N, C-alpha and C. Protein backbone atom coordinates (compact mmCIF):
# COMPACT_ATOMS: atom_id res chain seq x y z
N MET A 1 10.05 -6.51 39.60
CA MET A 1 10.61 -5.81 38.47
C MET A 1 11.90 -6.52 38.07
N GLU A 2 12.05 -6.77 36.82
CA GLU A 2 13.21 -7.49 36.32
C GLU A 2 14.29 -6.54 35.84
N ASN A 3 15.42 -6.52 36.52
CA ASN A 3 16.61 -5.78 36.12
C ASN A 3 16.29 -4.45 35.42
N PRO A 4 15.86 -3.43 36.14
CA PRO A 4 15.41 -2.20 35.50
C PRO A 4 16.50 -1.42 34.76
N ASN A 5 17.74 -1.43 35.25
CA ASN A 5 18.83 -0.68 34.62
C ASN A 5 18.41 0.75 34.26
N ILE A 6 17.81 1.44 35.19
CA ILE A 6 17.35 2.80 34.98
C ILE A 6 18.09 3.72 35.95
N LYS A 7 18.72 4.73 35.43
CA LYS A 7 19.33 5.77 36.26
C LYS A 7 18.35 6.93 36.32
N THR A 8 18.12 7.46 37.51
CA THR A 8 17.10 8.48 37.70
C THR A 8 17.66 9.70 38.43
N LYS A 9 16.87 10.78 38.37
CA LYS A 9 17.16 11.98 39.15
C LYS A 9 15.82 12.61 39.55
N VAL A 10 15.87 13.50 40.53
CA VAL A 10 14.67 14.16 41.05
C VAL A 10 14.66 15.60 40.57
N VAL A 11 13.53 16.02 39.97
CA VAL A 11 13.35 17.41 39.53
C VAL A 11 11.97 17.88 39.97
N HIS A 12 11.82 19.19 40.10
CA HIS A 12 10.52 19.73 40.47
C HIS A 12 9.66 19.85 39.21
N SER A 13 8.38 19.56 39.35
CA SER A 13 7.44 19.65 38.24
C SER A 13 7.27 21.10 37.81
N VAL A 14 7.14 21.33 36.52
CA VAL A 14 6.96 22.68 35.99
C VAL A 14 5.55 23.19 36.25
N SER A 15 4.55 22.31 36.12
CA SER A 15 3.16 22.76 36.17
C SER A 15 2.40 22.35 37.43
N LYS A 16 2.97 21.49 38.26
CA LYS A 16 2.25 20.99 39.42
C LYS A 16 3.08 21.14 40.69
N ALA A 17 2.42 21.07 41.83
CA ALA A 17 3.12 21.07 43.11
C ALA A 17 3.55 19.64 43.40
N ALA A 18 4.66 19.24 42.78
CA ALA A 18 5.12 17.86 42.91
C ALA A 18 6.59 17.75 42.52
N TRP A 19 7.21 16.69 43.02
CA TRP A 19 8.56 16.32 42.61
C TRP A 19 8.43 15.14 41.65
N ASN A 20 9.20 15.14 40.57
CA ASN A 20 9.17 14.06 39.60
C ASN A 20 10.48 13.28 39.67
N VAL A 21 10.36 11.97 39.62
CA VAL A 21 11.53 11.09 39.48
C VAL A 21 11.57 10.72 38.01
N ILE A 22 12.64 11.15 37.33
CA ILE A 22 12.73 10.94 35.88
C ILE A 22 13.97 10.14 35.53
N GLY A 23 13.88 9.41 34.44
CA GLY A 23 15.02 8.66 33.95
C GLY A 23 15.98 9.58 33.22
N THR A 24 17.28 9.28 33.29
CA THR A 24 18.29 10.10 32.64
C THR A 24 18.82 9.50 31.35
N SER A 25 18.49 8.25 31.07
CA SER A 25 18.99 7.58 29.87
C SER A 25 18.07 7.84 28.69
N ILE A 26 18.65 8.12 27.54
CA ILE A 26 17.88 8.33 26.33
C ILE A 26 17.29 7.00 25.88
N GLY A 27 16.02 7.02 25.52
CA GLY A 27 15.35 5.82 25.03
C GLY A 27 14.69 4.99 26.11
N LYS A 28 14.86 5.37 27.36
CA LYS A 28 14.21 4.66 28.47
C LYS A 28 12.97 5.43 28.89
N LYS A 29 12.21 4.86 29.80
CA LYS A 29 11.02 5.53 30.32
C LYS A 29 11.44 6.84 30.99
N TYR A 30 10.73 7.94 30.66
CA TYR A 30 11.14 9.26 31.14
C TYR A 30 10.68 9.51 32.57
N LYS A 31 9.35 9.53 32.82
CA LYS A 31 8.86 9.81 34.17
C LYS A 31 8.57 8.51 34.89
N ILE A 32 9.27 8.31 35.99
CA ILE A 32 9.13 7.10 36.78
C ILE A 32 8.03 7.27 37.83
N ALA A 33 8.04 8.44 38.51
CA ALA A 33 7.06 8.67 39.58
C ALA A 33 6.83 10.17 39.76
N ARG A 34 5.64 10.50 40.25
CA ARG A 34 5.31 11.87 40.65
C ARG A 34 4.97 11.82 42.13
N VAL A 35 5.62 12.69 42.92
CA VAL A 35 5.36 12.75 44.35
C VAL A 35 4.79 14.14 44.65
N PRO A 36 3.47 14.24 44.78
CA PRO A 36 2.84 15.55 45.00
C PRO A 36 2.92 15.98 46.46
N TYR A 37 2.77 17.28 46.67
CA TYR A 37 2.65 17.81 48.03
C TYR A 37 1.56 18.87 48.04
N ILE A 38 1.06 19.16 49.23
CA ILE A 38 -0.06 20.09 49.38
C ILE A 38 0.47 21.47 49.70
N ILE A 39 -0.06 22.47 49.01
CA ILE A 39 0.26 23.86 49.31
C ILE A 39 -0.84 24.38 50.23
N ILE A 40 -0.46 24.74 51.44
CA ILE A 40 -1.42 25.24 52.43
C ILE A 40 -1.33 26.76 52.43
N LYS A 41 -2.40 27.39 51.97
CA LYS A 41 -2.42 28.85 51.88
C LYS A 41 -2.33 29.46 53.27
N ASP A 42 -1.68 30.58 53.37
CA ASP A 42 -1.51 31.35 54.60
C ASP A 42 -0.71 30.62 55.66
N ASN A 43 0.02 29.58 55.29
CA ASN A 43 0.85 28.88 56.26
C ASN A 43 2.08 28.31 55.55
N GLU A 44 3.12 29.12 55.45
CA GLU A 44 4.32 28.71 54.73
C GLU A 44 5.09 27.61 55.46
N VAL A 45 4.96 27.56 56.78
CA VAL A 45 5.69 26.55 57.55
C VAL A 45 5.22 25.15 57.19
N PHE A 46 3.90 24.92 57.21
CA PHE A 46 3.38 23.60 56.87
C PHE A 46 3.61 23.27 55.40
N THR A 47 3.56 24.27 54.53
CA THR A 47 3.84 24.03 53.12
C THR A 47 5.28 23.56 52.93
N GLU A 48 6.22 24.19 53.62
CA GLU A 48 7.63 23.77 53.52
C GLU A 48 7.84 22.38 54.09
N ILE A 49 7.12 22.05 55.15
CA ILE A 49 7.22 20.70 55.73
C ILE A 49 6.71 19.68 54.72
N GLU A 50 5.56 19.94 54.10
CA GLU A 50 5.00 19.05 53.08
C GLU A 50 5.96 18.89 51.91
N LYS A 51 6.52 20.00 51.46
CA LYS A 51 7.43 20.00 50.30
C LYS A 51 8.69 19.20 50.60
N SER A 52 9.26 19.40 51.80
CA SER A 52 10.49 18.68 52.14
C SER A 52 10.24 17.19 52.34
N GLU A 53 9.08 16.83 52.89
CA GLU A 53 8.75 15.42 53.04
C GLU A 53 8.57 14.74 51.68
N ALA A 54 7.90 15.43 50.77
CA ALA A 54 7.73 14.88 49.42
C ALA A 54 9.08 14.73 48.72
N LEU A 55 9.98 15.68 48.94
CA LEU A 55 11.32 15.59 48.35
C LEU A 55 12.08 14.38 48.91
N ARG A 56 11.97 14.15 50.21
CA ARG A 56 12.62 12.97 50.81
C ARG A 56 12.09 11.68 50.20
N HIS A 57 10.78 11.61 49.99
CA HIS A 57 10.19 10.41 49.38
C HIS A 57 10.66 10.23 47.94
N ALA A 58 10.71 11.32 47.18
CA ALA A 58 11.16 11.25 45.79
C ALA A 58 12.63 10.81 45.72
N LYS A 59 13.46 11.33 46.62
CA LYS A 59 14.87 10.93 46.64
C LYS A 59 15.02 9.46 46.99
N PHE A 60 14.17 8.97 47.89
CA PHE A 60 14.20 7.55 48.25
C PHE A 60 13.87 6.67 47.04
N ILE A 61 12.82 7.04 46.32
CA ILE A 61 12.43 6.29 45.12
C ILE A 61 13.57 6.29 44.10
N SER A 62 14.17 7.46 43.91
CA SER A 62 15.27 7.57 42.95
C SER A 62 16.46 6.71 43.38
N GLU A 63 16.80 6.72 44.65
CA GLU A 63 17.92 5.91 45.14
C GLU A 63 17.65 4.41 44.98
N CYS A 64 16.40 4.02 45.12
CA CYS A 64 16.05 2.60 44.93
C CYS A 64 16.37 2.15 43.50
N PHE A 65 16.14 3.00 42.53
CA PHE A 65 16.46 2.65 41.15
C PHE A 65 17.96 2.74 40.89
N ASN A 66 18.62 3.76 41.43
CA ASN A 66 20.04 3.97 41.15
C ASN A 66 20.94 2.98 41.84
N ASN A 67 20.51 2.44 42.98
CA ASN A 67 21.35 1.52 43.77
C ASN A 67 20.67 0.19 43.95
N LYS A 68 20.30 -0.43 42.85
CA LYS A 68 19.57 -1.70 42.93
C LYS A 68 20.45 -2.83 43.44
């Protein structure tokens, strides 16, 4: 990737079980990545583990763009 100059942040998806890495600059690419997680019915512990792991991955992706 050549000099991306993209500042990003992590937000939760409105319609899906996923974290989105989005650009914050106007006129740049908006959604950089989607990091989905699995919702396990009747087991909130594993769902929270999946959600927190996906959040860690999304934050890593975002930091890679912000601190090139």
